[in-house]
Amino acid sequence: DPRVNAKAVTRSVLERALNDPMFLLTMAANGVTPGDIEIIVKEIIEYLEKTKQEAEG
């Protein structure tokens, strides 16, 4: 199922980004805190869960 794969890829990309100091510095320079990123990540994962459930019926 490509959606499961997409979720794994998204999680992997997010984990790499959150361990990248340049990413965190860039976000901080734009006024985005780690807390904001956490909320956004949660929303992305919830969205992926929802679309997966809808696709499965």
C-alpha atoms as a PDB file:
ATOM      1  CA  ASP A   1       0.000   0.000   0.000  1.00  0.00           C
ATOM      2  CA  PRO A   2       1.665   3.249  -1.111  1.00  0.00           C
ATOM      3  CA  ARG A   3       0.079   5.196   1.771  1.00  0.00           C
ATOM      4  CA  VAL A   4       1.837   3.049   4.371  1.00  0.00           C
ATOM      5  CA  ASN A   5       5.076   3.586   2.474  1.00  0.00           C
ATOM      6  CA  ALA A   6       4.405   7.345   2.300  1.00  0.00           C
ATOM      7  CA  LYS A   7       3.962   7.433   6.067  1.00  0.00           C
ATOM      8  CA  ALA A   8       7.243   5.585   6.618  1.00  0.00           C
ATOM      9  CA  VAL A   9       9.018   7.944   4.223  1.00  0.00           C
ATOM     10  CA  THR A  10       7.445  10.992   5.897  1.00  0.00           C
ATOM     11  CA  ARG A  11       8.478   9.777   9.356  1.00  0.00           C
ATOM     12  CA  SER A  12      12.012   9.075   8.117  1.00  0.00           C
ATOM     13  CA  VAL A  13      12.311  12.505   6.460  1.00  0.00           C
ATOM     14  CA  LEU A  14      10.952  14.236   9.573  1.00  0.00           C
ATOM     15  CA  GLU A  15      13.329  12.354  11.864  1.00  0.00           C
ATOM     16  CA  ARG A  16      16.307  13.268   9.670  1.00  0.00           C
ATOM     17  CA  ALA A  17      15.215  16.911   9.519  1.00  0.00           C
ATOM     18  CA  LEU A  18      14.741  17.133  13.281  1.00  0.00           C
ATOM     19  CA  ASN A  19      18.283  15.800  13.793  1.00  0.00           C
ATOM     20  CA  ASP A  20      19.742  18.347  11.341  1.00  0.00           C
ATOM     21  CA  PRO A  21      21.078  21.438  13.165  1.00  0.00           C
ATOM     22  CA  MET A  22      20.898  23.527   9.973  1.00  0.00           C
ATOM     23  CA  PHE A  23      17.211  22.680   9.569  1.00  0.00           C
ATOM     24  CA  LEU A  24      16.509  23.638  13.192  1.00  0.00           C
ATOM     25  CA  LEU A  25      18.520  26.873  12.839  1.00  0.00           C
ATOM     26  CA  THR A  26      16.672  27.760   9.636  1.00  0.00           C
ATOM     27  CA  MET A  27      13.334  27.115  11.326  1.00  0.00           C
ATOM     28  CA  ALA A  28      14.386  29.162  14.380  1.00  0.00           C
ATOM     29  CA  ALA A  29      15.454  32.027  12.092  1.00  0.00           C
ATOM     30  CA  ASN A  30      11.925  31.984  10.683  1.00  0.00           C
ATOM     31  CA  GLY A  31      10.360  31.999  14.145  1.00  0.00           C
ATOM     32  CA  VAL A  32       9.377  28.317  14.131  1.00  0.00           C
ATOM     33  CA  THR A  33      10.045  26.601  17.454  1.00  0.00           C
ATOM     34  CA  PRO A  34      10.607  22.867  17.977  1.00  0.00           C
ATOM     35  CA  GLY A  35       7.168  22.871  19.653  1.00  0.00           C
ATOM     36  CA  ASP A  36       5.610  24.252  16.459  1.00  0.00           C
ATOM     37  CA  ILE A  37       7.367  21.563  14.423  1.00  0.00           C
ATOM     38  CA  GLU A  38       6.041  18.893  16.794  1.00  0.00           C
ATOM     39  CA  ILE A  39       2.465  20.145  16.292  1.00  0.00           C
ATOM     40  CA  ILE A  40       2.905  20.214  12.495  1.00  0.00           C
ATOM     41  CA  VAL A  41       4.386  16.691  12.496  1.00  0.00           C
ATOM     42  CA  LYS A  42       1.479  15.430  14.621  1.00  0.00           C
ATOM     43  CA  GLU A  43      -0.989  16.981  12.182  1.00  0.00           C
ATOM     44  CA  ILE A  44       0.775  15.382   9.201  1.00  0.00           C
ATOM     45  CA  ILE A  45       0.727  11.940  10.843  1.00  0.00           C
ATOM     46  CA  GLU A  46      -2.945  12.321  11.842  1.00  0.00           C
ATOM     47  CA  TYR A  47      -3.774  13.361   8.271  1.00  0.00           C
ATOM     48  CA  LEU A  48      -1.963  10.309   6.886  1.00  0.00           C
ATOM     49  CA  GLU A  49      -3.834   8.042   9.332  1.00  0.00           C
ATOM     50  CA  LYS A  50      -7.170   9.607   8.352  1.00  0.00           C
ATOM     51  CA  THR A  51      -6.586   9.301   4.598  1.00  0.00           C
ATOM     52  CA  LYS A  52      -5.433   5.699   5.073  1.00  0.00           C
ATOM     53  CA  GLN A  53      -8.623   4.832   6.995  1.00  0.00           C
ATOM     54  CA  GLU A  54     -10.781   6.566   4.373  1.00  0.00           C
ATOM     55  CA  ALA A  55      -9.056   4.639   1.593  1.00  0.00           C
ATOM     56  CA  GLU A  56      -9.624   1.363   3.418  1.00  0.00           C
ATOM     57  CA  GLY A  57     -13.314   2.228   3.814  1.00  0.00           C
END
